[in-house]
Amino acid sequence: MAGLMDGETRQERREKRLKKKREQMLQHGRSLVRIYRDAILKRLRGRKEG
């Protein structure tokens, strides 16, 4: 019942938690994109030399 004491409803707490989760997913997605892009570029560079 701590949420009722500080004026937050269950819905507000839920939205805050989901927002935090989405932000973490976005950060994770950006790092994955960078990893995949670097791997592809590395592979392409390797072919040109070979």
C-alpha atoms as a PDB file:
ATOM      1  CA  MET A   1       0.000   0.000   0.000  1.00  0.00           C
ATOM      2  CA  ALA A   2       3.033   2.271  -0.209  1.00  0.00           C
ATOM      3  CA  GLY A   3       1.867   3.563  -3.588  1.00  0.00           C
ATOM      4  CA  LEU A   4      -1.321   4.943  -2.088  1.00  0.00           C
ATOM      5  CA  MET A   5       0.660   6.899   0.487  1.00  0.00           C
ATOM      6  CA  ASP A   6       2.703   8.901  -2.037  1.00  0.00           C
ATOM      7  CA  GLY A   7      -0.248   9.623  -4.353  1.00  0.00           C
ATOM      8  CA  GLU A   8       0.592   7.226  -7.190  1.00  0.00           C
ATOM      9  CA  THR A   9      -2.049   4.906  -8.520  1.00  0.00           C
ATOM     10  CA  ARG A  10      -1.293   1.367  -9.603  1.00  0.00           C
ATOM     11  CA  GLN A  11      -1.674   2.483 -13.234  1.00  0.00           C
ATOM     12  CA  GLU A  12       0.864   5.296 -12.792  1.00  0.00           C
ATOM     13  CA  ARG A  13       3.404   2.923 -11.245  1.00  0.00           C
ATOM     14  CA  ARG A  14       2.812   0.456 -14.096  1.00  0.00           C
ATOM     15  CA  GLU A  15       3.331   3.154 -16.756  1.00  0.00           C
ATOM     16  CA  LYS A  16       6.539   4.320 -15.094  1.00  0.00           C
ATOM     17  CA  ARG A  17       7.872   0.754 -14.979  1.00  0.00           C
ATOM     18  CA  LEU A  18       6.979   0.106 -18.630  1.00  0.00           C
ATOM     19  CA  LYS A  19       8.581   3.389 -19.713  1.00  0.00           C
ATOM     20  CA  LYS A  20      11.830   2.430 -17.988  1.00  0.00           C
ATOM     21  CA  LYS A  21      11.733  -0.993 -19.658  1.00  0.00           C
ATOM     22  CA  ARG A  22      11.205   0.556 -23.115  1.00  0.00           C
ATOM     23  CA  GLU A  23      14.144   2.927 -22.606  1.00  0.00           C
ATOM     24  CA  GLN A  24      16.395   0.019 -21.694  1.00  0.00           C
ATOM     25  CA  MET A  25      15.257  -1.871 -24.806  1.00  0.00           C
ATOM     26  CA  LEU A  26      16.099   1.112 -27.023  1.00  0.00           C
ATOM     27  CA  GLN A  27      19.614   1.311 -25.605  1.00  0.00           C
ATOM     28  CA  HIS A  28      20.039  -2.421 -26.131  1.00  0.00           C
ATOM     29  CA  GLY A  29      18.798  -2.122 -29.724  1.00  0.00           C
ATOM     30  CA  ARG A  30      21.287   0.611 -30.563  1.00  0.00           C
ATOM     31  CA  SER A  31      24.225  -1.439 -29.336  1.00  0.00           C
ATOM     32  CA  LEU A  32      23.032  -4.472 -31.299  1.00  0.00           C
ATOM     33  CA  VAL A  33      22.745  -2.415 -34.478  1.00  0.00           C
ATOM     34  CA  ARG A  34      26.320  -1.215 -34.010  1.00  0.00           C
ATOM     35  CA  ILE A  35      27.591  -4.763 -33.475  1.00  0.00           C
ATOM     36  CA  TYR A  36      25.831  -6.123 -36.569  1.00  0.00           C
ATOM     37  CA  ARG A  37      26.973  -3.199 -38.725  1.00  0.00           C
ATOM     38  CA  ASP A  38      30.593  -3.601 -37.630  1.00  0.00           C
ATOM     39  CA  ALA A  39      30.456  -7.340 -38.324  1.00  0.00           C
ATOM     40  CA  ILE A  40      29.086  -6.791 -41.838  1.00  0.00           C
ATOM     41  CA  LEU A  41      31.646  -4.100 -42.647  1.00  0.00           C
ATOM     42  CA  LYS A  42      34.448  -6.332 -41.365  1.00  0.00           C
ATOM     43  CA  ARG A  43      33.268  -9.176 -43.580  1.00  0.00           C
ATOM     44  CA  LEU A  44      33.052  -6.915 -46.631  1.00  0.00           C
ATOM     45  CA  ARG A  45      36.551  -5.525 -46.023  1.00  0.00           C
ATOM     46  CA  GLY A  46      37.883  -9.074 -45.763  1.00  0.00           C
ATOM     47  CA  ARG A  47      36.472 -10.019 -49.170  1.00  0.00           C
ATOM     48  CA  LYS A  48      38.051  -7.086 -50.999  1.00  0.00           C
ATOM     49  CA  GLU A  49      41.514  -8.020 -49.769  1.00  0.00           C
ATOM     50  CA  GLY A  50      41.097 -11.698 -50.582  1.00  0.00           C
END
